[in-house]
Amino acid sequence: LNCNVDEILDRVELYTCSICYNSLFWNNINEEVADISLQERIRSLHWVTYGFLDIGIKLEDRSIREIFDNAITECRNFKFER
């Protein structure tokens, strides 16, 4: 045998990673559904309201409130890429 230790370690690492990949990194559909469900519940809580922000902007002005509402809607519709 004409192999060095580094080559053997590389092959063992490749074999181990190939065998274990699905167990370690494969997305379980049940976990994905549970994750999406939890994200929707968190979004539905409406934790932040205008009153909590304590800002010096007059939200009684309809045009200003529309700008804030549009920004909040955009934030809620934002999708994170995986």
PDB file of N, CA and C in Angstrom:
ATOM      1  N   LEU A   1       0.827  -1.181   0.000  1.00  0.00           N
ATOM      2  CA  LEU A   1       0.000   0.000   0.000  1.00  0.00           C
ATOM      3  C   LEU A   1       0.874   1.247   0.000  1.00  0.00           C
ATOM      4  N   ASN A   2       0.511   2.131  -0.901  1.00  0.00           N
ATOM      5  CA  ASN A   2       1.279   3.359  -1.016  1.00  0.00           C
ATOM      6  C   ASN A   2       0.346   4.552  -0.757  1.00  0.00           C
ATOM      7  N   CYS A   3      -0.214   4.634   0.456  1.00  0.00           N
ATOM      8  CA  CYS A   3      -1.127   5.712   0.825  1.00  0.00           C
ATOM      9  C   CYS A   3      -0.561   6.454   2.018  1.00  0.00           C
ATOM     10  N   ASN A   4      -0.783   7.733   2.026  1.00  0.00           N
ATOM     11  CA  ASN A   4      -0.358   8.481   3.202  1.00  0.00           C
ATOM     12  C   ASN A   4      -1.563   8.733   4.112  1.00  0.00           C
ATOM     13  N   VAL A   5      -1.304   9.175   5.289  1.00  0.00           N
ATOM     14  CA  VAL A   5      -2.340   9.366   6.303  1.00  0.00           C
ATOM     15  C   VAL A   5      -3.357  10.411   5.855  1.00  0.00           C
ATOM     16  N   ASP A   6      -2.911  11.497   5.253  1.00  0.00           N
ATOM     17  CA  ASP A   6      -3.826  12.552   4.811  1.00  0.00           C
ATOM     18  C   ASP A   6      -4.813  12.043   3.770  1.00  0.00           C
ATOM     19  N   GLU A   7      -4.346  11.229   2.856  1.00  0.00           N
ATOM     20  CA  GLU A   7      -5.228  10.681   1.827  1.00  0.00           C
ATOM     21  C   GLU A   7      -6.275   9.762   2.451  1.00  0.00           C
ATOM     22  N   ILE A   8      -5.863   8.948   3.390  1.00  0.00           N
ATOM     23  CA  ILE A   8      -6.806   8.051   4.070  1.00  0.00           C
ATOM     24  C   ILE A   8      -7.838   8.863   4.850  1.00  0.00           C
ATOM     25  N   LEU A   9      -7.394   9.885   5.554  1.00  0.00           N
ATOM     26  CA  LEU A   9      -8.321  10.737   6.300  1.00  0.00           C
ATOM     27  C   LEU A   9      -9.306  11.440   5.370  1.00  0.00           C
ATOM     28  N   ASP A  10      -8.835  11.915   4.226  1.00  0.00           N
ATOM     29  CA  ASP A  10      -9.718  12.559   3.254  1.00  0.00           C
ATOM     30  C   ASP A  10     -10.791  11.597   2.766  1.00  0.00           C
ATOM     31  N   ARG A  11     -10.405  10.377   2.487  1.00  0.00           N
ATOM     32  CA  ARG A  11     -11.372   9.385   2.002  1.00  0.00           C
ATOM     33  C   ARG A  11     -12.364   8.989   3.092  1.00  0.00           C
ATOM     34  N   VAL A  12     -11.897   8.850   4.316  1.00  0.00           N
ATOM     35  CA  VAL A  12     -12.796   8.531   5.435  1.00  0.00           C
ATOM     36  C   VAL A  12     -13.774   9.681   5.661  1.00  0.00           C
ATOM     37  N   GLU A  13     -13.282  10.908   5.595  1.00  0.00           N
ATOM     38  CA  GLU A  13     -14.148  12.078   5.759  1.00  0.00           C
ATOM     39  C   GLU A  13     -15.206  12.133   4.658  1.00  0.00           C
ATOM     40  N   LEU A  14     -14.802  11.905   3.423  1.00  0.00           N
ATOM     41  CA  LEU A  14     -15.736  11.912   2.305  1.00  0.00           C
ATOM     42  C   LEU A  14     -16.795  10.834   2.485  1.00  0.00           C
ATOM     43  N   TYR A  15     -16.385   9.646   2.844  1.00  0.00           N
ATOM     44  CA  TYR A  15     -17.319   8.537   3.044  1.00  0.00           C
ATOM     45  C   TYR A  15     -18.292   8.854   4.189  1.00  0.00           C
ATOM     46  N   THR A  16     -17.763   9.339   5.306  1.00  0.00           N
ATOM     47  CA  THR A  16     -18.602   9.648   6.463  1.00  0.00           C
ATOM     48  C   THR A  16     -19.606  10.747   6.131  1.00  0.00           C
ATOM     49  N   CYS A  17     -19.153  11.786   5.469  1.00  0.00           N
ATOM     50  CA  CYS A  17     -20.051  12.884   5.096  1.00  0.00           C
ATOM     51  C   CYS A  17     -21.119  12.419   4.118  1.00  0.00           C
ATOM     52  N   SER A  18     -20.748  11.553   3.191  1.00  0.00           N
ATOM     53  CA  SER A  18     -21.714  11.037   2.215  1.00  0.00           C
ATOM     54  C   SER A  18     -22.786  10.201   2.894  1.00  0.00           C
ATOM     55  N   ILE A  19     -22.389   9.379   3.845  1.00  0.00           N
ATOM     56  CA  ILE A  19     -23.336   8.510   4.542  1.00  0.00           C
ATOM     57  C   ILE A  19     -24.241   9.321   5.475  1.00  0.00           C
ATOM     58  N   CYS A  20     -23.693  10.300   6.159  1.00  0.00           N
ATOM     59  CA  CYS A  20     -24.432  11.041   7.187  1.00  0.00           C
ATOM     60  C   CYS A  20     -25.187  12.259   6.652  1.00  0.00           C
ATOM     61  N   TYR A  21     -24.983  12.632   5.408  1.00  0.00           N
ATOM     62  CA  TYR A  21     -25.537  13.889   4.892  1.00  0.00           C
ATOM     63  C   TYR A  21     -27.050  13.982   5.084  1.00  0.00           C
ATOM     64  N   ASN A  22     -27.788  12.974   4.622  1.00  0.00           N
ATOM     65  CA  ASN A  22     -29.247  13.032   4.715  1.00  0.00           C
ATOM     66  C   ASN A  22     -29.724  13.121   6.157  1.00  0.00           C
ATOM     67  N   SER A  23     -29.081  12.399   7.045  1.00  0.00           N
ATOM     68  CA  SER A  23     -29.492  12.440   8.451  1.00  0.00           C
ATOM     69  C   SER A  23     -29.242  13.809   9.074  1.00  0.00           C
ATOM     70  N   LEU A  24     -28.174  14.454   8.673  1.00  0.00           N
ATOM     71  CA  LEU A  24     -27.799  15.718   9.291  1.00  0.00           C
ATOM     72  C   LEU A  24     -28.433  16.943   8.641  1.00  0.00           C
ATOM     73  N   PHE A  25     -28.553  16.935   7.323  1.00  0.00           N
ATOM     74  CA  PHE A  25     -28.930  18.158   6.624  1.00  0.00           C
ATOM     75  C   PHE A  25     -30.227  18.088   5.836  1.00  0.00           C
ATOM     76  N   TRP A  26     -30.815  16.952   5.696  1.00  0.00           N
ATOM     77  CA  TRP A  26     -32.029  16.826   4.908  1.00  0.00           C
ATOM     78  C   TRP A  26     -33.188  17.427   5.672  1.00  0.00           C
ATOM     79  N   ASN A  27     -33.980  18.268   5.024  1.00  0.00           N
ATOM     80  CA  ASN A  27     -35.124  18.894   5.681  1.00  0.00           C
ATOM     81  C   ASN A  27     -36.243  17.886   5.863  1.00  0.00           C
ATOM     82  N   ASN A  28     -36.676  17.758   7.085  1.00  0.00           N
ATOM     83  CA  ASN A  28     -37.819  16.916   7.388  1.00  0.00           C
ATOM     84  C   ASN A  28     -39.075  17.734   7.100  1.00  0.00           C
ATOM     85  N   ILE A  29     -39.979  17.195   6.309  1.00  0.00           N
ATOM     86  CA  ILE A  29     -41.171  17.946   5.901  1.00  0.00           C
ATOM     87  C   ILE A  29     -42.020  18.316   7.106  1.00  0.00           C
ATOM     88  N   ASN A  30     -42.071  17.460   8.118  1.00  0.00           N
ATOM     89  CA  ASN A  30     -42.851  17.777   9.319  1.00  0.00           C
ATOM     90  C   ASN A  30     -42.251  18.959  10.069  1.00  0.00           C
ATOM     91  N   GLU A  31     -40.935  19.018  10.137  1.00  0.00           N
ATOM     92  CA  GLU A  31     -40.276  20.153  10.784  1.00  0.00           C
ATOM     93  C   GLU A  31     -40.510  21.435   9.995  1.00  0.00           C
ATOM     94  N   GLU A  32     -40.499  21.330   8.678  1.00  0.00           N
ATOM     95  CA  GLU A  32     -40.728  22.499   7.819  1.00  0.00           C
ATOM     96  C   GLU A  32     -42.137  23.051   8.037  1.00  0.00           C
ATOM     97  N   VAL A  33     -43.126  22.167   8.083  1.00  0.00           N
ATOM     98  CA  VAL A  33     -44.516  22.589   8.294  1.00  0.00           C
ATOM     99  C   VAL A  33     -44.664  23.228   9.672  1.00  0.00           C
ATOM    100  N   ALA A  34     -44.060  22.616  10.687  1.00  0.00           N
ATOM    101  CA  ALA A  34     -44.133  23.170  12.040  1.00  0.00           C
ATOM    102  C   ALA A  34     -43.454  24.535  12.102  1.00  0.00           C
ATOM    103  N   ASP A  35     -42.336  24.701  11.403  1.00  0.00           N
ATOM    104  CA  ASP A  35     -41.617  25.968  11.391  1.00  0.00           C
ATOM    105  C   ASP A  35     -42.451  27.062  10.737  1.00  0.00           C
ATOM    106  N   ILE A  36     -43.055  26.759   9.616  1.00  0.00           N
ATOM    107  CA  ILE A  36     -43.896  27.743   8.923  1.00  0.00           C
ATOM    108  C   ILE A  36     -45.099  28.110   9.780  1.00  0.00           C
ATOM    109  N   SER A  37     -45.692  27.118  10.433  1.00  0.00           N
ATOM    110  CA  SER A  37     -46.831  27.367  11.306  1.00  0.00           C
ATOM    111  C   SER A  37     -46.446  28.293  12.453  1.00  0.00           C
ATOM    112  N   LEU A  38     -45.287  28.060  13.048  1.00  0.00           N
ATOM    113  CA  LEU A  38     -44.820  28.910  14.142  1.00  0.00           C
ATOM    114  C   LEU A  38     -44.546  30.332  13.649  1.00  0.00           C
ATOM    115  N   GLN A  39     -43.958  30.467  12.471  1.00  0.00           N
ATOM    116  CA  GLN A  39     -43.700  31.800  11.909  1.00  0.00           C
ATOM    117  C   GLN A  39     -45.005  32.564  11.715  1.00  0.00           C
ATOM    118  N   GLU A  40     -46.034  31.894  11.228  1.00  0.00           N
ATOM    119  CA  GLU A  40     -47.326  32.553  11.013  1.00  0.00           C
ATOM    120  C   GLU A  40     -47.951  32.980  12.336  1.00  0.00           C
ATOM    121  N   ARG A  41     -47.826  32.145  13.364  1.00  0.00           N
ATOM    122  CA  ARG A  41     -48.362  32.507  14.681  1.00  0.00           C
ATOM    123  C   ARG A  41     -47.645  33.730  15.236  1.00  0.00           C
ATOM    124  N   ILE A  42     -46.332  33.777  15.093  1.00  0.00           N
ATOM    125  CA  ILE A  42     -45.561  34.917  15.595  1.00  0.00           C
ATOM    126  C   ILE A  42     -45.965  36.192  14.859  1.00  0.00           C
ATOM    127  N   ARG A  43     -46.122  36.102  13.540  1.00  0.00           N
ATOM    128  CA  ARG A  43     -46.518  37.282  12.760  1.00  0.00           C
ATOM    129  C   ARG A  43     -47.911  37.771  13.150  1.00  0.00           C
ATOM    130  N   SER A  44     -48.778  36.864  13.551  1.00  0.00           N
ATOM    131  CA  SER A  44     -50.154  37.244  13.862  1.00  0.00           C
ATOM    132  C   SER A  44     -50.289  37.933  15.215  1.00  0.00           C
ATOM    133  N   LEU A  45     -49.232  37.965  16.014  1.00  0.00           N
ATOM    134  CA  LEU A  45     -49.330  38.541  17.350  1.00  0.00           C
ATOM    135  C   LEU A  45     -49.376  40.067  17.343  1.00  0.00           C
ATOM    136  N   HIS A  46     -48.885  40.702  16.302  1.00  0.00           N
ATOM    137  CA  HIS A  46     -48.898  42.172  16.202  1.00  0.00           C
ATOM    138  C   HIS A  46     -48.302  42.800  17.460  1.00  0.00           C
ATOM    139  N   TRP A  47     -47.093  42.405  17.801  1.00  0.00           N
ATOM    140  CA  TRP A  47     -46.441  42.874  19.014  1.00  0.00           C
ATOM    141  C   TRP A  47     -46.163  44.365  19.000  1.00  0.00           C
ATOM    142  N   VAL A  48     -45.762  44.892  17.882  1.00  0.00           N
ATOM    143  CA  VAL A  48     -45.376  46.298  17.825  1.00  0.00           C
ATOM    144  C   VAL A  48     -46.533  47.108  17.261  1.00  0.00           C
ATOM    145  N   THR A  49     -46.947  48.085  18.026  1.00  0.00           N
ATOM    146  CA  THR A  49     -47.977  49.004  17.552  1.00  0.00           C
ATOM    147  C   THR A  49     -47.372  50.408  17.546  1.00  0.00           C
ATOM    148  N   TYR A  50     -48.111  51.343  16.984  1.00  0.00           N
ATOM    149  CA  TYR A  50     -47.612  52.713  16.920  1.00  0.00           C
ATOM    150  C   TYR A  50     -47.362  53.278  18.318  1.00  0.00           C
ATOM    151  N   GLY A  51     -48.180  52.903  19.282  1.00  0.00           N
ATOM    152  CA  GLY A  51     -48.031  53.409  20.641  1.00  0.00           C
ATOM    153  C   GLY A  51     -46.734  52.984  21.295  1.00  0.00           C
ATOM    154  N   PHE A  52     -46.245  51.789  20.959  1.00  0.00           N
ATOM    155  CA  PHE A  52     -45.000  51.294  21.543  1.00  0.00           C
ATOM    156  C   PHE A  52     -43.782  52.033  20.996  1.00  0.00           C
ATOM    157  N   LEU A  53     -43.895  52.592  19.822  1.00  0.00           N
ATOM    158  CA  LEU A  53     -42.740  53.202  19.179  1.00  0.00           C
ATOM    159  C   LEU A  53     -42.313  54.512  19.830  1.00  0.00           C
ATOM    160  N   ASP A  54     -43.257  55.230  20.442  1.00  0.00           N
ATOM    161  CA  ASP A  54     -42.974  56.491  21.117  1.00  0.00           C
ATOM    162  C   ASP A  54     -42.148  57.417  20.225  1.00  0.00           C
ATOM    163  N   ILE A  55     -42.707  57.690  19.046  1.00  0.00           N
ATOM    164  CA  ILE A  55     -42.013  58.527  18.075  1.00  0.00           C
ATOM    165  C   ILE A  55     -42.677  59.895  17.991  1.00  0.00           C
ATOM    166  N   GLY A  56     -41.955  60.865  17.506  1.00  0.00           N
ATOM    167  CA  GLY A  56     -42.469  62.221  17.410  1.00  0.00           C
ATOM    168  C   GLY A  56     -43.162  62.507  16.090  1.00  0.00           C
ATOM    169  N   ILE A  57     -43.801  61.530  15.511  1.00  0.00           N
ATOM    170  CA  ILE A  57     -44.494  61.708  14.238  1.00  0.00           C
ATOM    171  C   ILE A  57     -45.991  61.673  14.505  1.00  0.00           C
ATOM    172  N   LYS A  58     -46.712  62.582  13.891  1.00  0.00           N
ATOM    173  CA  LYS A  58     -48.157  62.641  14.102  1.00  0.00           C
ATOM    174  C   LYS A  58     -48.843  61.588  13.236  1.00  0.00           C
ATOM    175  N   LEU A  59     -49.173  60.478  13.877  1.00  0.00           N
ATOM    176  CA  LEU A  59     -49.804  59.389  13.139  1.00  0.00           C
ATOM    177  C   LEU A  59     -51.284  59.639  12.889  1.00  0.00           C
ATOM    178  N   GLU A  60     -51.802  60.738  13.442  1.00  0.00           N
ATOM    179  CA  GLU A  60     -53.191  61.090  13.160  1.00  0.00           C
ATOM    180  C   GLU A  60     -53.345  61.560  11.713  1.00  0.00           C
ATOM    181  N   ASP A  61     -52.261  62.064  11.138  1.00  0.00           N
ATOM    182  CA  ASP A  61     -52.268  62.494   9.738  1.00  0.00           C
ATOM    183  C   ASP A  61     -52.391  61.259   8.849  1.00  0.00           C
ATOM    184  N   ARG A  62     -53.454  61.208   8.063  1.00  0.00           N
ATOM    185  CA  ARG A  62     -53.768  60.016   7.269  1.00  0.00           C
ATOM    186  C   ARG A  62     -52.650  59.662   6.284  1.00  0.00           C
ATOM    187  N   SER A  63     -52.028  60.649   5.665  1.00  0.00           N
ATOM    188  CA  SER A  63     -50.977  60.360   4.683  1.00  0.00           C
ATOM    189  C   SER A  63     -49.751  59.738   5.354  1.00  0.00           C
ATOM    190  N   ILE A  64     -49.417  60.224   6.543  1.00  0.00           N
ATOM    191  CA  ILE A  64     -48.281  59.651   7.273  1.00  0.00           C
ATOM    192  C   ILE A  64     -48.604  58.237   7.727  1.00  0.00           C
ATOM    193  N   ARG A  65     -49.821  58.038   8.211  1.00  0.00           N
ATOM    194  CA  ARG A  65     -50.221  56.701   8.669  1.00  0.00           C
ATOM    195  C   ARG A  65     -50.208  55.703   7.509  1.00  0.00           C
ATOM    196  N   GLU A  66     -50.606  56.139   6.322  1.00  0.00           N
ATOM    197  CA  GLU A  66     -50.577  55.256   5.151  1.00  0.00           C
ATOM    198  C   GLU A  66     -49.148  54.836   4.817  1.00  0.00           C
ATOM    199  N   ILE A  67     -48.209  55.759   4.938  1.00  0.00           N
ATOM    200  CA  ILE A  67     -46.801  55.425   4.684  1.00  0.00           C
ATOM    201  C   ILE A  67     -46.339  54.354   5.665  1.00  0.00           C
ATOM    202  N   PHE A  68     -46.669  54.528   6.943  1.00  0.00           N
ATOM    203  CA  PHE A  68     -46.293  53.529   7.943  1.00  0.00           C
ATOM    204  C   PHE A  68     -46.977  52.192   7.669  1.00  0.00           C
ATOM    205  N   ASP A  69     -48.265  52.232   7.343  1.00  0.00           N
ATOM    206  CA  ASP A  69     -48.990  50.987   7.062  1.00  0.00           C
ATOM    207  C   ASP A  69     -48.388  50.254   5.872  1.00  0.00           C
ATOM    208  N   ASN A  70     -48.022  50.988   4.837  1.00  0.00           N
ATOM    209  CA  ASN A  70     -47.394  50.361   3.669  1.00  0.00           C
ATOM    210  C   ASN A  70     -46.050  49.738   4.028  1.00  0.00           C
ATOM    211  N   ALA A  71     -45.271  50.434   4.845  1.00  0.00           N
ATOM    212  CA  ALA A  71     -43.970  49.896   5.261  1.00  0.00           C
ATOM    213  C   ALA A  71     -44.141  48.632   6.092  1.00  0.00           C
ATOM    214  N   ILE A  72     -45.103  48.629   6.991  1.00  0.00           N
ATOM    215  CA  ILE A  72     -45.358  47.442   7.818  1.00  0.00           C
ATOM    216  C   ILE A  72     -45.819  46.285   6.952  1.00  0.00           C
ATOM    217  N   THR A  73     -46.687  46.564   5.991  1.00  0.00           N
ATOM    218  CA  THR A  73     -47.156  45.514   5.087  1.00  0.00           C
ATOM    219  C   THR A  73     -46.002  44.926   4.297  1.00  0.00           C
ATOM    220  N   GLU A  74     -45.108  45.782   3.812  1.00  0.00           N
ATOM    221  CA  GLU A  74     -43.934  45.295   3.080  1.00  0.00           C
ATOM    222  C   GLU A  74     -43.068  44.406   3.962  1.00  0.00           C
ATOM    223  N   CYS A  75     -42.884  44.804   5.214  1.00  0.00           N
ATOM    224  CA  CYS A  75     -42.077  43.988   6.142  1.00  0.00           C
ATOM    225  C   CYS A  75     -42.725  42.636   6.386  1.00  0.00           C
ATOM    226  N   ARG A  76     -44.020  42.611   6.520  1.00  0.00           N
ATOM    227  CA  ARG A  76     -44.719  41.342   6.756  1.00  0.00           C
ATOM    228  C   ARG A  76     -44.666  40.440   5.532  1.00  0.00           C
ATOM    229  N   ASN A  77     -44.669  41.027   4.361  1.00  0.00           N
ATOM    230  CA  ASN A  77     -44.661  40.235   3.132  1.00  0.00           C
ATOM    231  C   ASN A  77     -43.265  39.809   2.710  1.00  0.00           C
ATOM    232  N   PHE A  78     -42.253  40.325   3.386  1.00  0.00           N
ATOM    233  CA  PHE A  78     -40.874  40.010   3.040  1.00  0.00           C
ATOM    234  C   PHE A  78     -40.595  38.542   3.303  1.00  0.00           C
ATOM    235  N   LYS A  79     -40.064  37.857   2.322  1.00  0.00           N
ATOM    236  CA  LYS A  79     -39.752  36.429   2.449  1.00  0.00           C
ATOM    237  C   LYS A  79     -38.247  36.264   2.537  1.00  0.00           C
ATOM    238  N   PHE A  80     -37.817  35.498   3.525  1.00  0.00           N
ATOM    239  CA  PHE A  80     -36.397  35.211   3.667  1.00  0.00           C
ATOM    240  C   PHE A  80     -36.040  34.026   2.799  1.00  0.00           C
ATOM    241  N   GLU A  81     -34.942  34.147   2.058  1.00  0.00           N
ATOM    242  CA  GLU A  81     -34.469  33.028   1.251  1.00  0.00           C
ATOM    243  C   GLU A  81     -33.610  32.139   2.109  1.00  0.00           C
ATOM    244  N   ARG A  82     -33.729  30.826   1.866  1.00  0.00           N
ATOM    245  CA  ARG A  82     -32.929  29.859   2.623  1.00  0.00           C
ATOM    246  C   ARG A  82     -31.737  29.458   1.831  1.00  0.00           C
TER     247      ARG A  82
END
